[in-house]
Protein backbone atom coordinates (compact mmCIF):
# COMPACT_ATOMS: atom_id res chain seq x y z
CA MET A 1 46.83 38.30 103.41
CA VAL A 2 50.63 38.00 103.94
CA ASN A 3 52.53 40.74 102.28
CA VAL A 4 56.21 40.24 101.92
CA ARG A 5 58.49 42.73 100.40
CA PRO A 6 61.69 42.00 99.82
CA ASN A 7 64.26 44.99 100.21
CA ARG A 8 67.15 44.22 98.10
CA MET A 9 69.24 42.06 95.73
CA SER A 10 69.57 38.66 95.02
CA PHE A 11 70.12 36.90 98.52
CA GLN A 12 67.43 38.95 100.45
CA ASP A 13 66.51 39.15 104.33
CA PHE A 14 63.39 40.65 104.57
CA THR A 15 60.58 40.98 107.48
CA ALA A 16 56.68 40.77 106.81
CA ALA A 17 53.67 41.18 108.84
CA GLU A 18 49.71 40.34 108.26
CA ALA A 19 47.95 37.47 107.24
CA THR A 20 44.37 38.18 107.14
CA ASP A 21 41.67 35.12 107.68
CA SER A 22 40.07 34.66 104.15
CA PRO A 23 39.67 31.62 102.25
CA GLY A 24 41.24 31.39 98.89
CA ARG A 25 42.97 29.20 96.13
CA ARG A 26 45.96 31.39 95.07
CA ARG A 27 47.87 30.46 97.99
CA ASN A 28 49.30 27.16 96.95
CA SER A 29 49.53 27.98 93.24
CA PHE A 30 51.39 31.11 94.03
CA LEU A 31 53.78 29.49 96.47
CA ASN A 32 54.27 26.07 94.04
CA SER A 33 55.21 28.49 91.37
CA LEU A 34 57.79 29.72 93.73
CA GLY A 35 59.25 26.24 94.25
CA ARG A 36 58.21 25.78 97.98
CA ARG A 37 55.19 25.46 100.10
CA VAL A 38 55.17 27.51 103.32
CA ASP A 39 51.53 26.29 104.44
CA SER A 40 52.79 25.74 107.73
CA LEU A 41 53.20 29.08 108.75
CA TRP A 42 49.78 30.34 108.62
CA PRO A 43 46.35 28.73 109.19
CA PRO A 44 44.91 26.80 105.77
CA SER A 45 42.37 29.09 105.33
CA ALA A 46 44.50 32.04 104.83
CA THR A 47 45.28 33.54 101.43
CA VAL A 48 48.97 34.31 101.02
CA ARG A 49 50.23 36.89 98.36
CA LEU A 50 53.77 37.90 97.95
CA ILE A 51 54.32 41.48 96.76
CA PHE A 52 58.00 42.03 95.22
CA SER A 53 58.95 45.74 94.20
CA GLN A 54 58.54 46.26 90.69
CA SER A 55 62.16 46.49 89.56
CA GLU A 56 62.72 43.29 91.19
CA PHE A 57 60.38 40.47 90.14
CA ARG A 58 58.37 42.15 87.45
CA ARG A 59 59.38 39.37 84.98
CA SER A 60 58.51 36.12 86.55
CA PRO A 61 58.17 34.39 90.09
CA SER A 62 59.96 31.70 88.65
CA ALA A 63 63.24 33.62 88.95
CA ILE A 64 63.00 32.50 92.71
CA ASP A 65 64.48 29.24 93.49
CA SER A 66 63.15 28.91 97.33
CA VAL A 67 61.82 31.21 99.82
CA SER A 68 62.06 30.16 103.50
CA PHE A 69 60.04 31.77 106.14
CA PHE A 70 60.23 31.52 110.11
CA ALA A 71 57.16 32.56 112.00
CA ARG A 72 57.13 33.49 115.90
CA GLN A 73 53.96 33.22 117.94
CA PRO A 74 51.01 34.75 115.90
CA VAL A 75 48.64 37.46 117.43
CA ARG A 76 45.04 37.89 116.21
CA ASP A 77 43.76 41.51 116.93
CA SER A 78 40.04 42.81 116.66
CA ASN A 79 40.15 42.78 112.87
CA ARG A 80 40.25 38.96 112.35
CA THR A 81 44.26 39.77 111.16
CA ILE A 82 46.59 37.11 112.43
CA CYS A 83 50.26 38.84 112.69
CA PHE A 84 53.20 36.87 112.04
CA PRO A 85 56.56 38.31 112.80
CA LEU A 86 58.22 36.27 109.83
CA PHE A 87 61.71 36.37 108.71
CA GLY A 88 62.45 35.01 105.17
CA ARG A 89 65.36 34.41 102.98
CA CYS A 90 64.82 34.37 99.10
CA LEU A 91 67.48 32.71 96.65
CA PHE A 92 67.40 33.36 93.11
CA ASN A 93 68.31 30.44 91.04
CA HIS A 94 70.48 29.92 87.88
CA SER A 95 67.49 30.26 85.62
CA VAL A 96 67.75 34.08 86.10
CA ARG A 97 70.89 34.20 84.31
CA SER A 98 69.89 31.75 81.86
CA GLY A 99 67.23 33.59 80.44
CA TYR A 100 69.40 36.17 79.51
CA LEU A 101 72.10 34.41 78.25
CA LYS A 102 71.05 31.62 76.29
CA GLU A 103 70.69 33.92 73.08
CA THR A 104 74.21 35.35 73.96
CA SER A 105 76.19 35.77 70.39
CA LEU A 106 78.28 39.00 70.87
CA ILE A 107 80.05 39.32 73.89
CA VAL A 108 82.55 42.32 75.35
CA VAL A 109 85.05 40.85 77.64
CA LYS A 110 87.14 43.28 79.98
CA LEU A 111 90.25 42.02 81.32
CA GLY A 112 91.78 43.93 84.24
CA THR A 113 95.41 44.63 84.84
CA GLY A 114 95.15 42.43 87.72
CA VAL A 115 94.61 39.33 85.94
CA LEU A 116 97.20 40.26 83.30
CA THR A 117 100.78 40.97 84.70
CA ASP A 118 102.61 39.17 87.37
CA ALA A 119 104.36 40.47 90.45
CA ALA A 120 106.87 41.97 88.85
CA ARG A 121 104.69 44.02 86.74
CA GLN A 122 105.31 42.11 83.73
CA PRO A 123 102.45 39.90 81.69
CA ASP A 124 101.54 36.87 82.96
CA LEU A 125 102.23 34.48 80.17
CA ILE A 126 100.40 31.45 82.08
CA GLN A 127 97.33 33.47 83.02
CA MET A 128 97.02 35.29 79.58
CA LYS A 129 97.20 32.13 77.62
CA GLN A 130 94.43 30.38 79.63
CA LEU A 131 92.27 33.50 79.28
CA VAL A 132 92.92 33.80 75.65
CA ALA A 133 92.09 29.92 74.95
CA GLN A 134 88.93 30.69 77.10
CA ILE A 135 88.15 33.30 74.37
CA ALA A 136 89.10 31.11 71.59
CA GLY A 137 86.75 28.32 72.83
CA GLN A 138 83.90 30.82 73.06
CA HIS A 139 84.81 32.06 69.27
CA ARG A 140 84.69 28.41 68.23
CA ALA A 141 81.34 27.97 69.61
CA GLY A 142 80.03 30.59 67.21
CA ARG A 143 80.10 33.57 69.70
CA GLU A 144 81.60 37.11 68.59
CA ILE A 145 84.08 38.41 71.19
CA VAL A 146 85.46 41.75 71.69
CA LEU A 147 88.35 42.09 73.93
CA VAL A 148 88.90 45.37 76.12
CA THR A 149 92.27 45.00 77.84
CA SER A 150 94.03 46.89 80.29
CA GLY A 151 97.58 46.08 81.15
CA ALA A 152 99.44 48.51 78.89
CA VAL A 153 100.75 50.96 81.66
CA GLY A 154 101.22 48.14 83.62
CA SER A 155 103.21 46.15 81.10
CA GLY A 156 105.37 49.30 80.69
CA MET A 157 106.20 50.10 84.24
CA GLY A 158 108.62 47.17 84.74
CA VAL A 159 110.64 47.88 81.53
CA LEU A 160 111.16 51.44 82.41
CA GLY A 161 111.79 50.36 86.33
CA HIS A 162 108.65 51.77 87.77
CA GLN A 163 107.71 49.99 91.10
CA ARG A 164 104.56 51.85 91.24
CA ARG A 165 102.27 53.54 88.94
CA PRO A 166 103.78 56.85 88.11
CA THR A 167 101.42 60.03 88.79
CA GLY A 168 102.92 62.29 86.30
CA VAL A 169 100.81 62.25 82.92
CA ALA A 170 104.36 62.30 80.78
CA GLU A 171 105.66 59.28 82.76
CA LEU A 172 102.21 57.32 82.60
CA GLN A 173 102.30 58.27 78.24
CA ALA A 174 105.58 56.77 78.14
CA CYS A 175 104.63 53.53 80.38
CA ALA A 176 101.56 53.04 77.80
CA ALA A 177 103.75 53.52 74.77
CA VAL A 178 106.21 51.08 75.73
CA GLY A 179 103.65 48.60 77.14
CA GLN A 180 101.00 48.72 74.63
CA SER A 181 103.17 47.19 71.88
CA ARG A 182 104.46 44.58 74.22
CA LEU A 183 101.08 43.58 75.18
CA MET A 184 99.35 43.36 71.57
CA THR A 185 102.78 40.97 70.47
CA THR A 186 101.83 38.91 73.22
CA TYR A 187 97.98 38.89 72.17
CA GLN A 188 98.80 38.18 68.82
CA GLN A 189 101.23 35.22 69.55
CA LEU A 190 98.87 33.61 71.84
CA PHE A 191 95.81 33.74 69.63
CA ALA A 192 97.85 32.80 66.69
CA GLU A 193 98.13 29.42 68.41
CA HIS A 194 94.25 29.03 68.05
CA GLN A 195 94.32 30.29 64.24
CA LEU A 196 92.54 33.52 65.39
CA THR A 197 93.62 36.99 64.00
CA THR A 198 93.63 39.60 65.93
CA ALA A 199 93.26 43.82 65.48
CA GLN A 200 94.58 46.44 67.76
CA VAL A 201 91.80 49.18 68.29
CA LEU A 202 92.96 52.59 70.20
CA LEU A 203 90.29 54.82 71.09
CA THR A 204 90.09 58.14 73.07
CA HIS A 205 86.59 59.51 74.79
CA ASP A 206 86.78 61.97 71.71
CA ASP A 207 86.53 59.33 69.11
CA LEU A 208 83.19 57.80 70.87
CA GLU A 209 81.71 61.41 71.69
CA ASP A 210 82.12 62.78 68.10
CA ARG A 211 78.96 61.57 66.18
CA ASP A 212 80.51 60.72 62.97
CA ARG A 213 83.73 59.02 64.49
CA HIS A 214 81.08 57.34 67.03
CA LEU A 215 79.48 55.51 63.97
CA ASN A 216 82.90 54.88 62.30
CA ALA A 217 84.38 53.18 65.16
CA ARG A 218 81.19 50.96 65.35
CA ASN A 219 81.52 50.32 61.55
CA THR A 220 85.11 49.23 62.04
CA LEU A 221 84.38 46.87 65.03
CA VAL A 222 81.19 45.27 62.96
CA ASN A 223 83.37 44.90 59.96
CA LEU A 224 86.32 43.26 62.12
CA LEU A 225 83.83 40.72 63.46
CA GLU A 226 82.29 40.15 60.05
CA HIS A 227 85.95 38.83 59.12
CA LYS A 228 86.21 36.55 62.46
CA VAL A 229 88.63 39.12 63.71
CA ILE A 230 89.05 39.20 67.28
CA PRO A 231 89.52 43.26 67.81
CA ILE A 232 91.62 44.05 71.07
CA ILE A 233 90.49 47.53 72.43
CA ASN A 234 92.45 49.86 74.68
CA GLU A 235 92.49 53.40 75.67
CA ASN A 236 95.18 55.54 73.51
CA ASP A 237 97.00 56.34 76.77
CA ALA A 238 99.92 57.50 74.96
CA VAL A 239 98.06 60.55 73.36
CA SER A 240 94.97 61.13 75.60
CA TYR A 241 95.36 63.46 78.50
CA THR A 242 91.82 63.46 79.55
CA GLU A 243 91.07 59.84 79.63
CA LEU A 244 94.69 59.26 81.45
CA LYS A 245 93.87 61.51 84.18
CA PHE A 246 90.27 60.38 84.80
CA GLY A 247 89.79 56.91 82.55
CA ASP A 248 89.63 53.81 83.45
CA ASN A 249 89.30 50.66 81.20
CA ASP A 250 85.88 49.59 83.40
CA ARG A 251 84.31 52.56 81.60
CA LEU A 252 85.76 52.11 78.23
CA SER A 253 84.44 48.45 78.20
CA ALA A 254 80.91 49.79 78.92
CA MET A 255 81.11 52.08 76.27
CA VAL A 256 82.31 49.70 73.68
CA ALA A 257 79.28 47.21 74.88
CA CYS A 258 76.94 50.47 74.51
CA LEU A 259 78.48 51.19 71.06
CA LEU A 260 78.12 47.75 69.39
CA PRO A 261 75.77 46.91 71.14
CA ALA A 262 76.72 43.95 72.77
CA ASP A 263 74.37 41.22 74.25
CA LEU A 264 76.77 41.02 77.44
CA LEU A 265 79.50 42.66 79.05
CA VAL A 266 81.84 40.19 81.24
CA VAL A 267 84.37 42.11 83.52
CA LEU A 268 87.00 39.67 84.70
CA THR A 269 89.29 41.09 87.63
CA THR A 270 91.00 39.54 90.58
CA ALA A 271 87.95 39.73 92.90
CA ASP A 272 85.04 37.02 92.76
CA GLY A 273 82.45 39.33 92.29
CA VAL A 274 80.67 42.17 94.36
CA VAL A 275 81.10 41.02 98.18
CA GLU A 276 78.65 41.65 100.73
CA ASN A 277 80.19 41.70 104.54
CA PHE A 278 83.73 42.49 103.20
CA GLY A 279 86.44 40.88 105.28
CA THR A 280 84.26 39.26 107.76
CA PRO A 281 82.95 35.83 108.67
CA GLU A 282 79.50 36.67 106.72
CA ALA A 283 81.32 37.59 103.65
CA ARG A 284 79.63 36.38 100.36
CA VAL A 285 79.58 37.41 96.67
CA LEU A 286 75.96 38.66 95.61
CA GLU A 287 75.14 36.32 93.01
CA VAL A 288 72.35 38.85 91.14
CA VAL A 289 72.04 42.47 91.63
CA GLU A 290 68.50 43.66 90.14
CA LYS A 291 69.08 47.11 90.56
CA ILE A 292 72.37 49.19 91.34
CA ASP A 293 71.13 51.76 93.99
CA SER A 294 73.41 53.32 96.77
CA ARG A 295 73.76 50.24 99.04
CA VAL A 296 75.14 48.32 96.35
CA GLU A 297 77.59 51.30 95.32
CA GLU A 298 78.26 51.18 98.89
CA LEU A 299 79.83 47.81 98.64
CA ALA A 300 82.56 48.68 96.41
CA ARG A 301 86.01 49.63 97.18
CA GLY A 302 88.86 51.14 95.63
CA THR A 303 92.19 49.25 94.31
CA LYS A 304 95.43 48.68 96.67
CA SER A 305 96.92 47.67 93.09
CA VAL A 306 100.18 49.19 92.09
CA THR A 307 99.52 48.95 88.35
CA ALA A 308 95.43 49.28 88.36
CA VAL A 309 93.08 52.21 88.61
CA GLY A 310 89.54 52.17 89.83
CA GLY A 311 88.78 48.76 91.56
CA MET A 312 85.21 47.83 92.25
CA ILE A 313 84.04 51.22 92.30
CA THR A 314 84.45 51.71 88.54
CA LYS A 315 83.33 48.07 87.80
CA ILE A 316 79.79 48.81 89.48
CA GLN A 317 79.67 52.53 87.46
CA ALA A 318 80.40 50.47 84.36
CA ALA A 319 77.61 48.25 84.98
CA LYS A 320 75.31 50.93 85.92
CA ILE A 321 75.67 52.57 82.25
CA VAL A 322 75.38 49.17 80.40
CA THR A 323 72.42 47.76 82.54
CA ARG A 324 70.52 51.41 81.66
CA ALA A 325 71.36 50.29 78.02
CA GLY A 326 69.43 47.10 78.52
CA ILE A 327 72.63 44.80 78.65
CA PRO A 328 73.32 42.40 81.19
CA VAL A 329 76.83 42.56 83.04
CA VAL A 330 78.86 39.77 84.70
CA ILE A 331 81.71 40.67 87.10
CA ALA A 332 83.68 37.92 87.95
CA SER A 333 87.35 36.56 88.62
CA GLY A 334 89.47 36.01 85.79
CA CYS A 335 92.04 33.69 87.72
CA LYS A 336 89.46 30.73 87.40
CA ALA A 337 89.68 28.18 84.95
CA ASN A 338 86.79 28.06 82.45
CA VAL A 339 84.98 31.05 83.99
CA LEU A 340 83.81 32.21 80.64
CA ALA A 341 82.28 28.92 80.08
CA SER A 342 80.79 28.98 83.33
CA ILE A 343 79.06 32.49 82.85
CA LEU A 344 77.51 31.65 79.29
CA ASP A 345 76.44 28.42 81.24
CA GLY A 346 74.25 30.30 83.59
CA ALA A 347 75.99 29.03 86.55
CA ASN A 348 76.15 31.41 89.62
CA GLU A 349 79.86 32.85 88.58
CA GLY A 350 80.48 36.08 90.14
CA THR A 351 77.83 38.85 90.11
CA PHE A 352 75.41 39.17 87.66
CA PHE A 353 73.72 42.33 86.82
CA MET A 354 70.03 42.37 85.43
CA PRO A 355 69.50 44.86 82.65
CA LEU A 356 66.66 47.36 82.77
CA GLU A 357 63.80 46.79 80.54
CA GLY A 358 63.49 48.56 77.45
CA LYS A 359 67.01 48.54 75.22
CA LEU A 360 67.64 52.52 74.57
CA THR A 361 68.46 53.08 70.64
CA GLY A 362 71.57 53.86 69.36
CA ARG A 363 71.34 57.46 69.32
CA LYS A 364 70.09 57.68 72.81
CA ARG A 365 72.60 55.63 73.89
CA TRP A 366 75.30 57.99 72.47
CA ILE A 367 73.22 60.87 74.05
CA ALA A 368 73.32 59.13 77.58
CA PHE A 369 77.00 57.69 77.99
CA PHE A 370 79.36 59.24 75.32
CA HIS A 371 79.67 62.95 76.42
CA HIS A 372 81.03 64.98 78.81
CA PRO A 373 77.81 67.21 79.63
CA LYS A 374 78.65 70.94 79.10
CA GLY A 375 76.13 72.13 81.39
CA VAL A 376 73.32 71.75 83.87
CA ILE A 377 69.45 72.72 83.51
CA TYR A 378 67.31 72.21 86.57
CA VAL A 379 63.72 71.61 86.58
CA ASP A 380 60.94 71.65 88.90
CA GLU A 381 58.86 68.76 90.45
CA GLY A 382 56.15 68.70 87.69
CA ALA A 383 58.31 68.93 84.91
CA LYS A 384 60.35 65.66 86.37
CA VAL A 385 57.27 63.97 86.30
CA ALA A 386 56.50 65.24 82.88
CA LEU A 387 59.50 63.79 81.79
CA ARG A 388 60.01 60.87 83.74
CA GLU A 389 56.62 59.27 83.85
CA ASN A 390 54.82 60.81 80.76
CA GLY A 391 57.29 61.04 77.94
CA LYS A 392 57.14 64.63 77.75
CA SER A 393 59.65 66.80 76.21
CA LEU A 394 60.99 69.62 78.61
CA LEU A 395 59.57 73.17 78.29
CA LEU A 396 60.78 76.25 79.38
CA VAL A 397 57.82 76.68 81.95
CA GLY A 398 59.61 73.78 83.95
CA VAL A 399 63.16 75.13 83.86
CA THR A 400 64.25 76.59 87.27
CA ARG A 401 68.02 77.84 86.42
CA CYS A 402 70.62 76.35 84.47
CA GLU A 403 74.67 76.36 85.00
CA GLY A 404 77.45 76.37 82.74
CA ASP A 405 78.13 77.96 79.31
CA PHE A 406 76.67 75.42 76.80
CA GLU A 407 75.72 75.98 73.18
CA SER A 408 72.72 74.97 71.42
CA GLY A 409 72.95 71.25 70.27
CA GLU A 410 75.33 70.28 73.42
CA VAL A 411 74.44 67.63 75.93
CA VAL A 412 73.53 68.82 79.25
CA ARG A 413 72.68 67.28 82.30
CA ILE A 414 68.57 67.63 83.59
CA CYS A 415 68.71 67.48 87.56
CA ASP A 416 65.93 67.89 89.96
CA GLY A 417 65.57 70.56 92.74
CA ASP A 418 67.73 68.83 94.96
CA GLY A 419 70.47 68.54 92.30
CA MET A 420 69.94 64.43 91.47
CA GLU A 421 70.47 64.31 87.85
CA PHE A 422 67.69 61.89 86.35
CA ALA A 423 67.90 62.74 82.39
CA ARG A 424 70.61 64.06 79.93
CA GLY A 425 69.65 65.64 76.72
CA ILE A 426 70.49 67.83 73.90
CA SER A 427 69.61 71.49 74.44
CA GLN A 428 68.14 73.26 71.47
CA PHE A 429 69.21 76.75 73.51
CA ASP A 430 72.17 77.91 74.65
CA ALA A 431 72.71 78.87 78.24
CA LYS A 432 72.35 82.60 77.88
CA ALA A 433 69.00 82.17 75.89
CA ILE A 434 67.50 80.07 78.55
CA GLY A 435 68.59 83.00 81.07
CA ARG A 436 66.28 85.20 79.02
CA PRO A 437 62.91 82.95 78.70
CA LYS A 438 60.87 85.85 77.33
CA GLU A 439 62.51 85.58 73.93
CA LEU A 440 62.14 81.74 73.64
CA LYS A 441 59.74 79.62 72.07
CA GLY A 442 59.45 76.07 71.47
CA GLU A 443 60.99 72.89 73.83
CA VAL A 444 64.17 73.09 75.48
CA VAL A 445 65.12 69.43 75.00
CA HIS A 446 62.66 67.28 72.76
CA ARG A 447 61.64 64.02 73.88
CA ASP A 448 63.79 62.27 70.96
CA ASP A 449 66.96 64.21 72.61
CA LEU A 450 66.10 63.17 76.16
CA VAL A 451 66.83 59.86 77.82
CA ILE A 452 65.80 59.16 81.32
CA LEU A 453 69.00 57.76 83.54
């Protein structure tokens, strides 16, 4: 038996070891389903089985385009086991994307500052025109498009004489106020060339955190789409102190995708995607990411742009939110012609982030992603297992301690003993009450108010 365990991502290097002398018919049929036979690497009588991690290949082995192995001298031990030091590479084909994208009808497109402004910190009209033409083309094809745009602060910087992005809140807000009107005027004129109407929607985090305003924002966007209007969304930087200080439109695009919910989030930037071995001759774009783990996050870098915020770090953080909601994400270059069409045709354009199985409901998306948690509840290992694996509510007996001054009905982070957040939920008790366990009865967080991250 040959057990091969790929370790990560879309184009993978892995090692494997043992092949057992036993007849069987699964070898050929299974390997043929992967698109390439590798019979020559072990005796014809050997049974071959490839084992993949649950998150990577649960859906179908047809996601793999080819498997290549290189064997060294086999070694037979006393247990009739033939050991092959194997090195292999596994390449996904475009059918992975096609399977997710063929039914795509509602898309959130995020345009970064870098693809919208020129070296003079002014809107790049040629670039904006080709991006608008691509969006208009997808609209004509019958898809609904919501545009999340950066560029307001960048557009205002040149007008107000700033060479670099200001650090003071007042100056940032002034740049945003000047730049937003210029940006929307440009969009309105460009979309009008395609007989399309646009609508400006400015949001703050508070708009999406409050449940009633959250639903109202969604209803407004849905109504605009029903009228064939292109909503153009930006943060309300001119008045939003908190979001201007901490915010970025990568996260805003993720929240909009979860709000609707969209079928796909496309983040167009100046990079070709998430790059492995950046700055080396071995540099390459990761074509598919099945799960965003610490290694993928380590590949991200910030930005040196004088007009932008965040860089690839915030884009991967946004992808982590959206894929958890059950929505795929593509990060690709907005500087390429026809990039949207290539993405939606299933081509290997940029980096494709596969969604996690099981879409969250609207209310659970609201709990998980649209709040600044007001506190932390720490739980023991037994409670963690009950919540994550058995779908149980959080009982007081599993709580070890809590932090923060949260009230009943507020969203809190739920962490294990090591401080790792693995869930969020609405606490049925305030922090002071949890500190007096003898006075409490019932569940701390009901499973209907809890989301595993």
